[in-house]
């Protein structure tokens, strides 16, 4: 059995298995024979998914047919598949993962992500939401960029801050090249969502507020994120050569964790000095 035939058979077996686990009452269907309360007939799946019984039967038989994405989406809804199961079905048929349903963008990092940031005590780190708003950070990042803790929440967006905060203009050694690189990554990542209100509002505000952004936005450059070295001119400890990394938690793939690590011993010493300059975190009352 070749790879394509194997995938068709795996898809067929998976759909049959999931069909047998659907709770009939969840779909408003009566028990079968007065006793069976779970499992759907092929005819019922076909009807509820608006496809022919013959076609759905072929699908469960692993026949050499090419189901459309729309049909697989309909079958996934009928079978009450989870996001992971839906993604698996689409992958077997050669399609990309389903786009997640629109949800309110988080204003703070998930608790376990914040704990991760705090555990990275020696390395400036922050988390960003899908619209690139900073949703969490650690003490080391606050030492590198103090304004993150005082800027209004609606302005705590990486793109907005890079283009509008004079402190970052001075902090980032190669501000012009870095801002263009950042914008190209932003466009590549959120391009499909440019029409959504939070993203559209951000772009509109930047076009009004920053001549540099207007110039860079018109270039249309697109780049994927790559880990790279960055140089920062900190007003207290001087030049810091750091390497920028980005991770995505598997249980929150829409969250990005950005981490800066020292490239050399001088940078490591500078980060320690920055940490020493920071006031200790408040203690909880007894």
Protein backbone atom coordinates (compact mmCIF):
# COMPACT_ATOMS: atom_id res chain seq x y z
CA UNK A 1 0.00 0.00 0.00
CA UNK A 2 1.55 3.31 -1.07
CA UNK A 3 1.55 6.46 1.06
CA UNK A 4 -1.56 8.01 -0.49
CA UNK A 5 -3.54 4.78 -0.16
CA UNK A 6 -2.36 4.49 3.45
CA UNK A 7 -3.63 7.98 4.24
CA UNK A 8 -7.00 7.24 2.61
CA UNK A 9 -7.33 4.08 4.68
CA UNK A 10 -6.32 5.86 7.86
CA UNK A 11 -8.92 8.53 7.15
CA UNK A 12 -11.57 5.87 6.53
CA UNK A 13 -10.74 4.01 9.74
CA UNK A 14 -10.70 7.21 11.77
CA UNK A 15 -14.09 8.41 10.49
CA UNK A 16 -15.65 5.01 11.18
CA UNK A 17 -14.26 4.99 14.70
CA UNK A 18 -15.46 8.52 15.46
CA UNK A 19 -18.88 7.82 13.95
CA UNK A 20 -19.28 5.03 16.48
CA UNK A 21 -18.61 7.36 19.42
CA UNK A 22 -21.02 10.19 18.62
CA UNK A 23 -23.73 10.54 21.28
CA UNK A 24 -26.98 10.47 19.34
CA UNK A 25 -28.83 12.67 21.82
CA UNK A 26 -26.30 15.45 21.20
CA UNK A 27 -27.62 15.64 17.63
CA UNK A 28 -31.26 15.31 18.62
CA UNK A 29 -31.45 11.70 17.37
CA UNK A 30 -33.33 8.91 19.15
CA UNK A 31 -31.62 5.68 20.30
CA UNK A 32 -31.26 2.94 17.71
CA UNK A 33 -33.45 -0.06 18.45
CA UNK A 34 -34.46 1.51 21.73
CA UNK A 35 -31.09 0.69 23.33
CA UNK A 36 -28.12 2.08 21.37
CA UNK A 37 -27.50 5.65 22.52
CA UNK A 38 -24.21 6.29 20.73
CA UNK A 39 -23.00 5.89 17.18
CA UNK A 40 -24.38 7.13 13.87
CA UNK A 41 -25.33 5.24 10.74
CA UNK A 42 -23.51 6.19 7.55
CA UNK A 43 -26.80 7.43 6.17
CA UNK A 44 -27.19 9.79 9.11
CA UNK A 45 -23.68 11.21 8.77
CA UNK A 46 -24.26 11.74 5.04
CA UNK A 47 -27.62 13.49 5.62
CA UNK A 48 -26.33 15.72 8.41
CA UNK A 49 -23.24 16.63 6.35
CA UNK A 50 -25.25 17.28 3.15
CA UNK A 51 -23.42 14.67 1.05
CA UNK A 52 -24.68 11.60 -0.74
CA UNK A 53 -24.76 8.28 1.09
CA UNK A 54 -22.80 6.62 -1.72
CA UNK A 55 -20.07 9.26 -1.61
CA UNK A 56 -19.71 9.06 2.17
CA UNK A 57 -19.63 5.27 1.99
CA UNK A 58 -16.76 5.47 -0.50
CA UNK A 59 -14.97 7.83 1.89
CA UNK A 60 -15.23 5.30 4.72
CA UNK A 61 -14.10 2.55 2.36
CA UNK A 62 -10.90 4.38 1.51
CA UNK A 63 -11.85 4.67 -2.16
CA UNK A 64 -9.69 6.78 -4.48
CA UNK A 65 -11.72 9.97 -4.21
CA UNK A 66 -10.69 13.53 -3.34
CA UNK A 67 -13.01 15.06 -0.72
CA UNK A 68 -13.21 18.85 -0.69
CA UNK A 69 -12.23 20.78 2.38
CA UNK A 70 -15.81 22.04 2.76
CA UNK A 71 -17.13 18.48 2.87
CA UNK A 72 -14.54 17.42 5.44
CA UNK A 73 -15.39 20.46 7.55
CA UNK A 74 -19.07 19.46 7.43
CA UNK A 75 -18.28 15.86 8.39
CA UNK A 76 -16.09 17.13 11.24
CA UNK A 77 -19.01 19.19 12.57
CA UNK A 78 -21.38 16.24 12.31
CA UNK A 79 -18.98 13.94 14.15
CA UNK A 80 -18.28 16.60 16.79
CA UNK A 81 -14.55 16.38 16.18
CA UNK A 82 -12.19 18.33 18.41
CA UNK A 83 -9.80 20.85 16.87
CA UNK A 84 -6.99 18.27 17.04
CA UNK A 85 -9.18 15.60 15.39
CA UNK A 86 -10.36 18.04 12.72
CA UNK A 87 -6.75 18.98 12.00
CA UNK A 88 -5.84 15.29 11.72
CA UNK A 89 -8.63 14.61 9.22
CA UNK A 90 -7.65 17.58 7.06
CA UNK A 91 -3.98 16.58 7.16
CA UNK A 92 -4.80 13.05 5.95
CA UNK A 93 -6.66 14.59 3.02
CA UNK A 94 -3.82 17.00 2.21
CA UNK A 95 -5.24 20.20 3.70
CA UNK A 96 -3.83 22.63 6.25
CA UNK A 97 -5.14 22.96 9.79
CA UNK A 98 -8.51 24.64 10.33
CA UNK A 99 -8.36 28.31 11.19
CA UNK A 100 -9.28 28.82 14.85
CA UNK A 101 -12.54 30.53 15.65
CA UNK A 102 -12.22 34.23 16.36
CA UNK A 103 -11.86 34.83 20.09
CA UNK A 104 -11.14 37.95 22.16
CA UNK A 105 -7.42 38.58 22.12
CA UNK A 106 -5.80 37.92 25.52
CA UNK A 107 -4.66 40.91 27.54
CA UNK A 108 -2.40 38.87 29.80
CA UNK A 109 -0.25 35.80 29.25
CA UNK A 110 -1.61 32.44 30.45
CA UNK A 111 -0.49 31.77 34.02
CA UNK A 112 1.89 28.96 33.08
CA UNK A 113 3.47 31.14 30.38
CA UNK A 114 4.05 33.90 32.92
CA UNK A 115 5.67 31.35 35.23
CA UNK A 116 7.97 30.37 32.36
CA UNK A 117 8.89 34.02 31.83
CA UNK A 118 9.64 34.42 35.52
CA UNK A 119 11.77 31.25 35.51
CA UNK A 120 13.90 32.80 32.75
CA UNK A 121 15.07 35.23 35.39
CA UNK A 122 18.45 36.10 33.85
CA UNK A 123 17.19 36.54 30.31
CA UNK A 124 14.93 39.41 29.13
CA UNK A 125 11.76 37.70 27.95
CA UNK A 126 8.21 38.66 27.03
CA UNK A 127 5.08 37.11 25.54
CA UNK A 128 2.97 38.51 22.72
CA UNK A 129 -0.61 37.87 21.67
CA UNK A 130 -1.64 37.25 18.02
CA UNK A 131 -1.89 41.02 17.41
CA UNK A 132 1.64 41.45 18.84
CA UNK A 133 0.46 43.13 22.03
CA UNK A 134 2.82 42.34 24.91
CA UNK A 135 0.82 40.20 27.33
CA UNK A 136 3.54 39.34 29.86
CA UNK A 137 7.20 39.98 30.68
CA UNK A 138 9.80 39.24 33.33
CA UNK A 139 11.97 41.49 35.52
CA UNK A 140 14.94 41.18 33.18
CA UNK A 141 12.91 42.52 30.26
CA UNK A 142 11.60 45.37 32.41
CA UNK A 143 15.23 46.17 33.26
CA UNK A 144 16.06 46.27 29.54
CA UNK A 145 12.92 48.23 28.60
CA UNK A 146 11.40 49.93 31.68
CA UNK A 147 8.56 51.58 29.74
CA UNK A 148 6.87 48.20 29.21
CA UNK A 149 5.45 48.46 32.74
CA UNK A 150 4.16 52.03 32.42
CA UNK A 151 2.89 52.39 28.85
CA UNK A 152 -0.93 52.30 28.55
CA UNK A 153 -2.20 48.78 27.89
CA UNK A 154 -3.70 49.77 24.53
CA UNK A 155 -0.25 50.93 23.37
CA UNK A 156 1.70 47.95 24.71
CA UNK A 157 2.17 46.53 21.23
CA UNK A 158 5.61 45.61 19.89
CA UNK A 159 5.07 47.25 16.52
CA UNK A 160 3.53 50.41 17.99
CA UNK A 161 6.30 50.82 20.55
CA UNK A 162 9.17 50.25 18.12
CA UNK A 163 7.85 52.98 15.83
CA UNK A 164 6.65 55.49 18.42
CA UNK A 165 8.71 55.20 21.62
CA UNK A 166 11.88 57.37 21.53
CA UNK A 167 13.42 55.16 24.23
CA UNK A 168 13.40 52.17 21.88
CA UNK A 169 14.78 54.36 19.09
CA UNK A 170 17.84 54.88 21.29
CA UNK A 171 17.90 51.39 22.83
CA UNK A 172 17.94 49.47 19.53
CA UNK A 173 21.37 49.90 17.94
CA UNK A 174 20.21 49.44 14.35
CA UNK A 175 16.73 50.90 14.77
CA UNK A 176 16.05 51.53 11.07
CA UNK A 177 17.02 48.03 9.90
CA UNK A 178 15.41 46.36 12.94
CA UNK A 179 12.10 48.14 12.57
CA UNK A 180 11.88 47.15 8.87
CA UNK A 181 12.80 43.56 9.71
CA UNK A 182 10.17 43.50 12.45
CA UNK A 183 7.49 44.92 10.17
CA UNK A 184 8.27 42.34 7.47
CA UNK A 185 7.84 39.57 10.06
CA UNK A 186 4.61 41.13 11.28
CA UNK A 187 3.17 41.28 7.77
CA UNK A 188 4.12 37.66 7.10
CA UNK A 189 2.55 36.48 10.36
CA UNK A 190 -0.69 38.47 10.53
CA UNK A 191 -1.24 39.15 6.81
CA UNK A 192 -4.35 36.95 6.59
CA UNK A 193 -5.84 38.89 9.52
CA UNK A 194 -5.19 42.45 8.34
CA UNK A 195 -8.92 43.07 8.00
CA UNK A 196 -9.72 42.13 11.59
CA UNK A 197 -10.51 45.13 13.84
CA UNK A 198 -7.52 44.95 16.27
CA UNK A 199 -5.00 44.61 13.44
CA UNK A 200 -6.68 47.14 11.15
CA UNK A 201 -6.88 49.63 14.02
CA UNK A 202 -3.19 49.19 14.83
CA UNK A 203 -2.15 49.75 11.20
CA UNK A 204 -4.41 52.79 10.91
CA UNK A 205 -2.98 54.35 14.07
CA UNK A 206 0.60 53.74 12.94
CA UNK A 207 -0.03 55.22 9.50
CA UNK A 208 -1.21 58.42 11.20
CA UNK A 209 1.42 58.50 13.93
CA UNK A 210 4.69 57.54 12.22
CA UNK A 211 6.24 58.74 8.99
CA UNK A 212 8.80 55.95 9.28
CA UNK A 213 5.98 53.40 9.42
CA UNK A 214 4.26 54.90 6.38
CA UNK A 215 7.50 54.56 4.43
CA UNK A 216 8.20 51.03 5.57
CA UNK A 217 4.61 49.84 5.13
CA UNK A 218 4.59 50.90 1.48
CA UNK A 219 7.55 48.62 0.73
CA UNK A 220 5.46 45.48 1.22
CA UNK A 221 8.43 43.44 2.48
CA UNK A 222 7.68 40.01 3.97
CA UNK A 223 10.07 37.83 6.00
CA UNK A 224 9.64 34.83 8.28
CA UNK A 225 11.03 35.04 11.79
CA UNK A 226 14.61 33.88 12.27
CA UNK A 227 16.67 33.80 15.46
CA UNK A 228 19.37 36.44 15.18
CA UNK A 229 21.78 38.59 17.13
CA UNK A 230 20.61 41.98 18.35
CA UNK A 231 22.55 44.86 19.87
CA UNK A 232 21.02 47.16 22.49
CA UNK A 233 22.47 50.37 23.94
CA UNK A 234 21.25 50.32 27.54
CA UNK A 235 21.59 53.69 29.33
CA UNK A 236 23.05 52.05 32.48
CA UNK A 237 25.12 49.03 31.39
CA UNK A 238 26.03 50.12 27.86
CA UNK A 239 26.13 47.86 24.80
CA UNK A 240 24.52 44.42 25.05
CA UNK A 241 24.93 41.82 22.33
CA UNK A 242 22.04 39.39 22.68
CA UNK A 243 20.56 36.60 20.60
CA UNK A 244 16.82 36.72 20.00
CA UNK A 245 14.76 33.52 20.05
CA UNK A 246 11.03 32.89 19.80
CA UNK A 247 8.99 29.93 21.04
CA UNK A 248 5.31 28.94 20.89
CA UNK A 249 3.78 26.83 23.70
CA UNK A 250 2.17 23.74 22.20
CA UNK A 251 -1.02 24.30 24.20
CA UNK A 252 -1.18 28.00 23.24
CA UNK A 253 0.27 28.18 19.70
CA UNK A 254 -1.16 31.69 19.27
CA UNK A 255 1.17 32.97 22.02
CA UNK A 256 4.79 33.77 21.20
CA UNK A 257 7.51 33.88 23.85
CA UNK A 258 10.49 36.04 22.89
CA UNK A 259 13.75 35.40 24.77
CA UNK A 260 17.06 37.28 24.64
CA UNK A 261 20.19 35.36 25.64
CA UNK A 262 23.73 36.78 25.99
CA UNK A 263 26.10 36.17 23.12
CA UNK A 264 29.27 36.66 25.17
CA UNK A 265 30.49 37.09 28.75
CA UNK A 266 30.26 40.88 28.51
CA UNK A 267 26.56 40.64 27.67
CA UNK A 268 26.00 38.14 30.49
CA UNK A 269 27.69 40.50 32.93
CA UNK A 270 25.61 43.40 31.64
CA UNK A 271 22.39 41.47 32.18
CA UNK A 272 23.43 40.65 35.74
CA UNK A 273 24.21 44.31 36.37
CA UNK A 274 20.79 45.29 35.00
CA UNK A 275 19.16 42.79 37.34
CA UNK A 276 21.04 44.23 40.30
CA UNK A 277 19.71 47.70 39.44
CA UNK A 278 16.12 46.44 39.55
CA UNK A 279 14.17 46.82 42.81
CA UNK A 280 13.12 43.49 44.33
CA UNK A 281 9.61 42.29 43.53
CA UNK A 282 6.96 43.18 46.13
CA UNK A 283 6.39 40.58 48.81
CA UNK A 284 2.96 39.34 49.74
CA UNK A 285 1.67 40.54 53.13
CA UNK A 286 1.75 37.92 55.90
